[in-house]
Amino acid sequence: MVNWSAKVSLLSELLNAHQTLALSSGQILVCHGFESDAENRICVLDSTMKMVLRALGTSSATRSGIADPTEYQLTQPIWVAVSESQGVAYVADFKNDRVLVVALASMSVQCVLTAGSMRRPYRICMDDGGLLYVGS
């Protein structure tokens, strides 16, 4: 997990984002997952303080200068669904053929969802009843 606490330009963090979601807390969840980008992460931004609060994944240009590969290194996270009531985000990790369940408060991986027929998940959403849908 990469956790940057240095102030950053909000514009630079939002540039080339694959998806952005406004959370009820006023924070912004950003998913960087374009194949051509060096960014392979999801992060929570605080728009008031203009800083990254929490992040999961790696990029070639981390603020600390050190990439942080983990067991849950993301490879083209392409879409995110959020359940704020459960405090989790579901991340479609396209090139790793899986969906990660990530705690929003800590950006830690709670579990990994895989299925024999799920390949290259590219869209993910949740209905009002809490059912998760994954397009692969």
N, C-alpha and C. Protein backbone atom coordinates (compact mmCIF):
# COMPACT_ATOMS: atom_id res chain seq x y z
N MET A 1 0.84 -1.17 0.00
CA MET A 1 0.00 0.00 0.00
C MET A 1 0.89 1.24 0.00
N VAL A 2 0.52 2.20 -0.82
CA VAL A 2 1.24 3.46 -0.88
C VAL A 2 0.37 4.50 -0.19
N ASN A 3 0.95 5.23 0.73
CA ASN A 3 0.19 6.25 1.43
C ASN A 3 0.96 7.56 1.35
N TRP A 4 0.49 8.48 0.52
CA TRP A 4 1.17 9.75 0.35
C TRP A 4 0.47 10.78 1.21
N SER A 5 1.23 11.49 2.01
CA SER A 5 0.62 12.53 2.82
C SER A 5 1.08 13.91 2.38
N ALA A 6 2.01 13.98 1.43
CA ALA A 6 2.46 15.28 0.94
C ALA A 6 1.35 15.92 0.10
N LYS A 7 1.28 17.23 0.18
CA LYS A 7 0.28 17.93 -0.62
C LYS A 7 0.61 17.77 -2.10
N VAL A 8 -0.41 17.60 -2.90
CA VAL A 8 -0.24 17.44 -4.34
C VAL A 8 -1.25 18.33 -5.03
N SER A 9 -1.00 18.57 -6.28
CA SER A 9 -1.96 19.31 -7.07
C SER A 9 -3.15 18.40 -7.34
N LEU A 10 -4.32 18.83 -6.96
CA LEU A 10 -5.52 18.03 -7.18
C LEU A 10 -5.70 17.75 -8.67
N LEU A 11 -5.37 18.71 -9.50
CA LEU A 11 -5.48 18.53 -10.94
C LEU A 11 -4.60 17.39 -11.42
N SER A 12 -3.37 17.30 -10.92
CA SER A 12 -2.47 16.24 -11.37
C SER A 12 -2.98 14.87 -10.95
N GLU A 13 -3.64 14.78 -9.81
CA GLU A 13 -4.18 13.49 -9.36
C GLU A 13 -5.42 13.09 -10.15
N LEU A 14 -6.14 14.06 -10.67
CA LEU A 14 -7.35 13.76 -11.43
C LEU A 14 -7.07 13.59 -12.92
N LEU A 15 -5.91 14.03 -13.37
CA LEU A 15 -5.55 13.92 -14.77
C LEU A 15 -5.50 12.46 -15.20
N ASN A 16 -6.09 12.14 -16.29
CA ASN A 16 -6.09 10.80 -16.86
C ASN A 16 -6.72 9.73 -15.96
N ALA A 17 -7.56 10.15 -15.05
CA ALA A 17 -8.23 9.15 -14.21
C ALA A 17 -9.23 8.38 -15.07
N HIS A 18 -9.31 7.09 -14.82
CA HIS A 18 -10.26 6.26 -15.56
C HIS A 18 -11.66 6.47 -15.02
N GLN A 19 -11.76 6.69 -13.71
CA GLN A 19 -13.05 6.90 -13.08
C GLN A 19 -12.86 7.74 -11.82
N THR A 20 -13.78 8.64 -11.54
CA THR A 20 -13.79 9.38 -10.29
C THR A 20 -15.19 9.27 -9.68
N LEU A 21 -15.23 9.13 -8.37
CA LEU A 21 -16.50 9.05 -7.65
C LEU A 21 -16.47 10.02 -6.47
N ALA A 22 -17.52 10.79 -6.30
CA ALA A 22 -17.64 11.67 -5.13
C ALA A 22 -18.25 10.87 -3.99
N LEU A 23 -17.58 10.83 -2.86
CA LEU A 23 -18.09 10.14 -1.68
C LEU A 23 -18.90 11.10 -0.83
N SER A 24 -19.77 10.58 -0.01
CA SER A 24 -20.63 11.44 0.82
C SER A 24 -19.82 12.27 1.82
N SER A 25 -18.60 11.84 2.10
CA SER A 25 -17.72 12.57 3.03
C SER A 25 -17.13 13.82 2.39
N GLY A 26 -17.35 14.00 1.09
CA GLY A 26 -16.76 15.12 0.37
C GLY A 26 -15.43 14.75 -0.26
N GLN A 27 -14.94 13.55 0.02
CA GLN A 27 -13.70 13.08 -0.58
C GLN A 27 -13.97 12.53 -1.97
N ILE A 28 -12.92 12.35 -2.74
CA ILE A 28 -13.04 11.86 -4.11
C ILE A 28 -12.25 10.56 -4.23
N LEU A 29 -12.89 9.52 -4.76
CA LEU A 29 -12.22 8.26 -5.04
C LEU A 29 -11.82 8.29 -6.50
N VAL A 30 -10.54 8.06 -6.77
CA VAL A 30 -10.01 8.12 -8.12
C VAL A 30 -9.43 6.76 -8.49
N CYS A 31 -9.75 6.30 -9.68
CA CYS A 31 -9.24 5.03 -10.19
C CYS A 31 -8.39 5.32 -11.42
N HIS A 32 -7.10 5.02 -11.34
CA HIS A 32 -6.19 5.16 -12.48
C HIS A 32 -5.95 3.79 -13.05
N GLY A 33 -6.38 3.54 -14.26
CA GLY A 33 -6.21 2.21 -14.81
C GLY A 33 -6.10 2.14 -16.31
N PHE A 34 -5.74 3.24 -16.97
CA PHE A 34 -5.56 3.17 -18.42
C PHE A 34 -4.32 2.36 -18.73
N GLU A 35 -4.40 1.57 -19.77
CA GLU A 35 -3.28 0.70 -20.13
C GLU A 35 -2.01 1.50 -20.43
N SER A 36 -2.16 2.68 -21.00
CA SER A 36 -1.00 3.47 -21.40
C SER A 36 -0.39 4.27 -20.25
N ASP A 37 -1.05 4.31 -19.09
CA ASP A 37 -0.56 5.08 -17.96
C ASP A 37 0.35 4.27 -17.06
N ALA A 38 1.24 4.97 -16.38
CA ALA A 38 2.10 4.33 -15.38
C ALA A 38 1.34 4.12 -14.08
N GLU A 39 0.24 4.84 -13.89
CA GLU A 39 -0.55 4.75 -12.66
C GLU A 39 -1.38 3.47 -12.68
N ASN A 40 -1.29 2.70 -11.64
CA ASN A 40 -2.12 1.52 -11.44
C ASN A 40 -2.54 1.53 -9.98
N ARG A 41 -3.50 2.40 -9.66
CA ARG A 41 -3.89 2.55 -8.27
C ARG A 41 -5.27 3.13 -8.15
N ILE A 42 -5.80 3.03 -6.96
CA ILE A 42 -6.99 3.78 -6.57
C ILE A 42 -6.58 4.61 -5.37
N CYS A 43 -7.15 5.80 -5.26
CA CYS A 43 -6.79 6.65 -4.12
C CYS A 43 -7.98 7.49 -3.70
N VAL A 44 -7.94 7.93 -2.46
CA VAL A 44 -8.95 8.82 -1.91
C VAL A 44 -8.29 10.18 -1.75
N LEU A 45 -8.91 11.20 -2.35
CA LEU A 45 -8.39 12.56 -2.30
C LEU A 45 -9.26 13.40 -1.40
N ASP A 46 -8.65 14.30 -0.68
CA ASP A 46 -9.38 15.30 0.08
C ASP A 46 -9.30 16.59 -0.71
N SER A 47 -10.43 17.03 -1.25
CA SER A 47 -10.44 18.20 -2.12
C SER A 47 -10.21 19.49 -1.35
N THR A 48 -10.51 19.51 -0.07
CA THR A 48 -10.30 20.71 0.74
C THR A 48 -8.81 20.91 1.03
N MET A 49 -8.16 19.84 1.48
CA MET A 49 -6.74 19.93 1.82
C MET A 49 -5.84 19.71 0.60
N LYS A 50 -6.45 19.31 -0.52
CA LYS A 50 -5.72 19.05 -1.77
C LYS A 50 -4.58 18.05 -1.56
N MET A 51 -4.95 16.89 -1.01
CA MET A 51 -3.94 15.87 -0.80
C MET A 51 -4.52 14.47 -0.92
N VAL A 52 -3.64 13.52 -1.24
CA VAL A 52 -4.01 12.11 -1.26
C VAL A 52 -4.03 11.63 0.18
N LEU A 53 -5.15 11.07 0.61
CA LEU A 53 -5.27 10.58 1.98
C LEU A 53 -4.84 9.12 2.09
N ARG A 54 -5.33 8.30 1.17
CA ARG A 54 -5.03 6.87 1.18
C ARG A 54 -4.96 6.39 -0.25
N ALA A 55 -4.12 5.37 -0.49
CA ALA A 55 -4.00 4.82 -1.84
C ALA A 55 -3.67 3.34 -1.78
N LEU A 56 -4.04 2.65 -2.83
CA LEU A 56 -3.71 1.23 -2.98
C LEU A 56 -3.20 1.06 -4.39
N GLY A 57 -2.05 0.41 -4.52
CA GLY A 57 -1.48 0.20 -5.84
C GLY A 57 -0.14 0.89 -5.96
N THR A 58 0.36 0.92 -7.17
CA THR A 58 1.67 1.53 -7.40
C THR A 58 1.62 2.42 -8.62
N SER A 59 2.63 3.23 -8.73
CA SER A 59 2.84 4.01 -9.94
C SER A 59 4.34 4.13 -10.13
N SER A 60 4.76 4.49 -11.31
CA SER A 60 6.19 4.62 -11.57
C SER A 60 6.73 5.91 -10.99
N ALA A 61 5.85 6.82 -10.62
CA ALA A 61 6.29 8.12 -10.11
C ALA A 61 5.66 8.40 -8.76
N THR A 62 5.93 7.54 -7.79
CA THR A 62 5.36 7.75 -6.47
C THR A 62 5.95 9.00 -5.84
N ARG A 63 5.22 9.63 -4.96
CA ARG A 63 5.68 10.86 -4.34
C ARG A 63 6.91 10.62 -3.47
N SER A 64 7.03 9.44 -2.90
CA SER A 64 8.18 9.13 -2.06
C SER A 64 9.37 8.70 -2.90
N GLY A 65 9.15 8.47 -4.18
CA GLY A 65 10.20 8.01 -5.06
C GLY A 65 10.41 6.50 -5.00
N ILE A 66 9.62 5.82 -4.19
CA ILE A 66 9.78 4.37 -4.03
C ILE A 66 8.47 3.70 -4.41
N ALA A 67 8.53 2.83 -5.39
CA ALA A 67 7.34 2.05 -5.74
C ALA A 67 7.13 1.02 -4.64
N ASP A 68 5.89 0.66 -4.37
CA ASP A 68 5.57 -0.24 -3.28
C ASP A 68 4.75 -1.42 -3.78
N PRO A 69 5.40 -2.37 -4.47
CA PRO A 69 4.63 -3.52 -4.95
C PRO A 69 4.18 -4.38 -3.78
N THR A 70 2.98 -4.88 -3.85
CA THR A 70 2.44 -5.72 -2.79
C THR A 70 1.79 -6.94 -3.41
N GLU A 71 1.35 -7.82 -2.55
CA GLU A 71 0.61 -9.00 -3.01
C GLU A 71 -0.61 -8.57 -3.82
N TYR A 72 -1.13 -7.40 -3.49
CA TYR A 72 -2.32 -6.90 -4.16
C TYR A 72 -1.99 -5.79 -5.14
N GLN A 73 -0.84 -5.87 -5.76
CA GLN A 73 -0.49 -4.86 -6.76
C GLN A 73 -1.54 -4.87 -7.86
N LEU A 74 -2.03 -3.72 -8.19
CA LEU A 74 -3.07 -3.59 -9.21
C LEU A 74 -2.44 -3.57 -10.59
N THR A 75 -3.12 -4.22 -11.53
CA THR A 75 -2.70 -4.17 -12.92
C THR A 75 -3.91 -3.77 -13.74
N GLN A 76 -3.98 -2.52 -14.03
CA GLN A 76 -5.06 -1.88 -14.76
C GLN A 76 -6.40 -1.98 -14.03
N PRO A 77 -6.48 -1.33 -12.84
CA PRO A 77 -7.78 -1.24 -12.17
C PRO A 77 -8.67 -0.34 -13.01
N ILE A 78 -9.75 -0.89 -13.52
CA ILE A 78 -10.48 -0.18 -14.58
C ILE A 78 -11.80 0.44 -14.13
N TRP A 79 -12.39 -0.09 -13.06
CA TRP A 79 -13.68 0.44 -12.61
C TRP A 79 -13.88 0.10 -11.14
N VAL A 80 -14.64 0.95 -10.45
CA VAL A 80 -14.87 0.78 -9.02
C VAL A 80 -16.35 0.96 -8.72
N ALA A 81 -16.87 0.13 -7.83
CA ALA A 81 -18.22 0.31 -7.27
C ALA A 81 -18.03 0.50 -5.77
N VAL A 82 -18.81 1.39 -5.18
CA VAL A 82 -18.64 1.71 -3.76
C VAL A 82 -19.92 1.42 -2.99
N SER A 83 -19.75 0.81 -1.82
CA SER A 83 -20.84 0.67 -0.86
C SER A 83 -20.40 1.43 0.38
N GLU A 84 -20.83 2.68 0.47
CA GLU A 84 -20.42 3.50 1.62
C GLU A 84 -21.02 2.96 2.92
N SER A 85 -22.21 2.35 2.85
CA SER A 85 -22.82 1.80 4.07
C SER A 85 -21.98 0.65 4.63
N GLN A 86 -21.32 -0.10 3.76
CA GLN A 86 -20.44 -1.19 4.19
C GLN A 86 -19.00 -0.71 4.36
N GLY A 87 -18.70 0.49 3.85
CA GLY A 87 -17.35 1.04 3.95
C GLY A 87 -16.35 0.37 3.04
N VAL A 88 -16.82 -0.13 1.90
CA VAL A 88 -15.92 -0.84 0.98
C VAL A 88 -16.06 -0.34 -0.46
N ALA A 89 -14.99 -0.58 -1.20
CA ALA A 89 -14.99 -0.36 -2.64
C ALA A 89 -14.68 -1.69 -3.30
N TYR A 90 -15.33 -1.96 -4.40
CA TYR A 90 -15.09 -3.16 -5.19
C TYR A 90 -14.33 -2.71 -6.43
N VAL A 91 -13.11 -3.23 -6.61
CA VAL A 91 -12.24 -2.78 -7.68
C VAL A 91 -12.10 -3.86 -8.74
N ALA A 92 -12.49 -3.55 -9.97
CA ALA A 92 -12.29 -4.46 -11.09
C ALA A 92 -10.83 -4.34 -11.53
N ASP A 93 -10.02 -5.30 -11.17
CA ASP A 93 -8.59 -5.32 -11.49
C ASP A 93 -8.42 -6.10 -12.79
N PHE A 94 -8.56 -5.39 -13.88
CA PHE A 94 -8.72 -5.94 -15.23
C PHE A 94 -7.69 -7.01 -15.60
N LYS A 95 -6.44 -6.67 -15.56
CA LYS A 95 -5.40 -7.60 -16.04
C LYS A 95 -5.05 -8.69 -15.04
N ASN A 96 -5.53 -8.57 -13.81
CA ASN A 96 -5.30 -9.63 -12.82
C ASN A 96 -6.49 -10.58 -12.71
N ASP A 97 -7.52 -10.37 -13.54
CA ASP A 97 -8.69 -11.25 -13.58
C ASP A 97 -9.33 -11.45 -12.20
N ARG A 98 -9.56 -10.33 -11.51
CA ARG A 98 -10.14 -10.43 -10.16
C ARG A 98 -10.83 -9.14 -9.77
N VAL A 99 -11.60 -9.24 -8.70
CA VAL A 99 -12.22 -8.08 -8.08
C VAL A 99 -11.71 -8.04 -6.65
N LEU A 100 -11.19 -6.88 -6.24
CA LEU A 100 -10.71 -6.72 -4.87
C LEU A 100 -11.77 -6.00 -4.05
N VAL A 101 -11.97 -6.46 -2.83
CA VAL A 101 -12.84 -5.77 -1.88
C VAL A 101 -11.91 -4.99 -0.96
N VAL A 102 -12.03 -3.65 -1.01
CA VAL A 102 -11.09 -2.78 -0.33
C VAL A 102 -11.81 -1.93 0.71
N ALA A 103 -11.29 -1.91 1.94
CA ALA A 103 -11.85 -1.06 3.00
C ALA A 103 -11.52 0.40 2.66
N LEU A 104 -12.54 1.25 2.59
CA LEU A 104 -12.33 2.65 2.25
C LEU A 104 -11.53 3.39 3.31
N ALA A 105 -11.72 3.05 4.57
CA ALA A 105 -11.05 3.76 5.66
C ALA A 105 -9.55 3.58 5.65
N SER A 106 -9.08 2.41 5.23
CA SER A 106 -7.64 2.12 5.29
C SER A 106 -7.02 1.81 3.94
N MET A 107 -7.83 1.63 2.91
CA MET A 107 -7.39 1.17 1.59
C MET A 107 -6.66 -0.16 1.69
N SER A 108 -7.12 -1.01 2.60
CA SER A 108 -6.55 -2.35 2.72
C SER A 108 -7.49 -3.35 2.06
N VAL A 109 -6.91 -4.37 1.46
CA VAL A 109 -7.69 -5.39 0.78
C VAL A 109 -8.30 -6.32 1.80
N GLN A 110 -9.64 -6.45 1.76
CA GLN A 110 -10.36 -7.33 2.68
C GLN A 110 -10.45 -8.75 2.14
N CYS A 111 -10.68 -8.87 0.84
CA CYS A 111 -10.70 -10.18 0.20
C CYS A 111 -10.61 -10.00 -1.32
N VAL A 112 -10.38 -11.13 -1.98
CA VAL A 112 -10.24 -11.15 -3.42
C VAL A 112 -11.33 -12.06 -3.99
N LEU A 113 -12.08 -11.55 -4.95
CA LEU A 113 -13.13 -12.33 -5.59
C LEU A 113 -12.63 -12.79 -6.97
N THR A 114 -12.66 -14.09 -7.19
CA THR A 114 -12.30 -14.64 -8.49
C THR A 114 -13.33 -15.71 -8.83
N ALA A 115 -13.49 -15.96 -10.07
CA ALA A 115 -14.40 -17.01 -10.52
C ALA A 115 -13.81 -17.61 -11.78
N GLY A 116 -14.06 -18.89 -11.98
CA GLY A 116 -13.52 -19.58 -13.14
C GLY A 116 -13.85 -18.91 -14.46
N SER A 117 -15.05 -18.34 -14.56
CA SER A 117 -15.47 -17.74 -15.83
C SER A 117 -15.18 -16.25 -15.92
N MET A 118 -14.73 -15.63 -14.81
CA MET A 118 -14.46 -14.20 -14.84
C MET A 118 -13.08 -13.96 -15.43
N ARG A 119 -13.06 -13.27 -16.53
CA ARG A 119 -11.79 -12.94 -17.17
C ARG A 119 -11.85 -11.48 -17.57
N ARG A 120 -10.84 -10.73 -17.20
CA ARG A 120 -10.73 -9.32 -17.57
C ARG A 120 -11.97 -8.52 -17.16
N PRO A 121 -12.28 -8.46 -15.86
CA PRO A 121 -13.45 -7.67 -15.43
C PRO A 121 -13.25 -6.20 -15.82
N TYR A 122 -14.20 -5.64 -16.51
CA TYR A 122 -14.05 -4.27 -17.01
C TYR A 122 -15.11 -3.31 -16.48
N ARG A 123 -16.20 -3.80 -15.96
CA ARG A 123 -17.22 -2.95 -15.35
C ARG A 123 -17.75 -3.66 -14.11
N ILE A 124 -18.11 -2.83 -13.14
CA ILE A 124 -18.62 -3.37 -11.89
C ILE A 124 -19.62 -2.37 -11.33
N CYS A 125 -20.74 -2.87 -10.83
CA CYS A 125 -21.72 -1.98 -10.21
C CYS A 125 -22.51 -2.75 -9.17
N MET A 126 -23.20 -2.01 -8.33
CA MET A 126 -23.99 -2.61 -7.27
C MET A 126 -25.41 -2.05 -7.34
N ASP A 127 -26.40 -2.94 -7.20
CA ASP A 127 -27.77 -2.46 -7.22
C ASP A 127 -28.21 -2.05 -5.81
N ASP A 128 -29.42 -1.53 -5.69
CA ASP A 128 -29.93 -1.04 -4.41
C ASP A 128 -30.03 -2.14 -3.35
N GLY A 129 -30.14 -3.38 -3.78
CA GLY A 129 -30.23 -4.49 -2.85
C GLY A 129 -28.89 -5.03 -2.40
N GLY A 130 -27.79 -4.44 -2.90
CA GLY A 130 -26.46 -4.87 -2.50
C GLY A 130 -25.86 -5.96 -3.37
N LEU A 131 -26.56 -6.32 -4.47
CA LEU A 131 -26.04 -7.33 -5.39
C LEU A 131 -24.96 -6.71 -6.26
N LEU A 132 -23.85 -7.40 -6.40
CA LEU A 132 -22.72 -6.91 -7.17
C LEU A 132 -22.77 -7.53 -8.57
N TYR A 133 -22.60 -6.69 -9.60
CA TYR A 133 -22.58 -7.15 -10.99
C TYR A 133 -21.22 -6.87 -11.58
N VAL A 134 -20.63 -7.87 -12.23
CA VAL A 134 -19.32 -7.69 -12.84
C VAL A 134 -19.41 -8.08 -14.30
N GLY A 135 -18.99 -7.16 -15.17
CA GLY A 135 -18.92 -7.44 -16.60
C GLY A 135 -17.52 -7.88 -16.94
N SER A 136 -17.41 -9.04 -17.58
CA SER A 136 -16.08 -9.53 -17.95
C SER A 136 -16.11 -10.12 -19.34
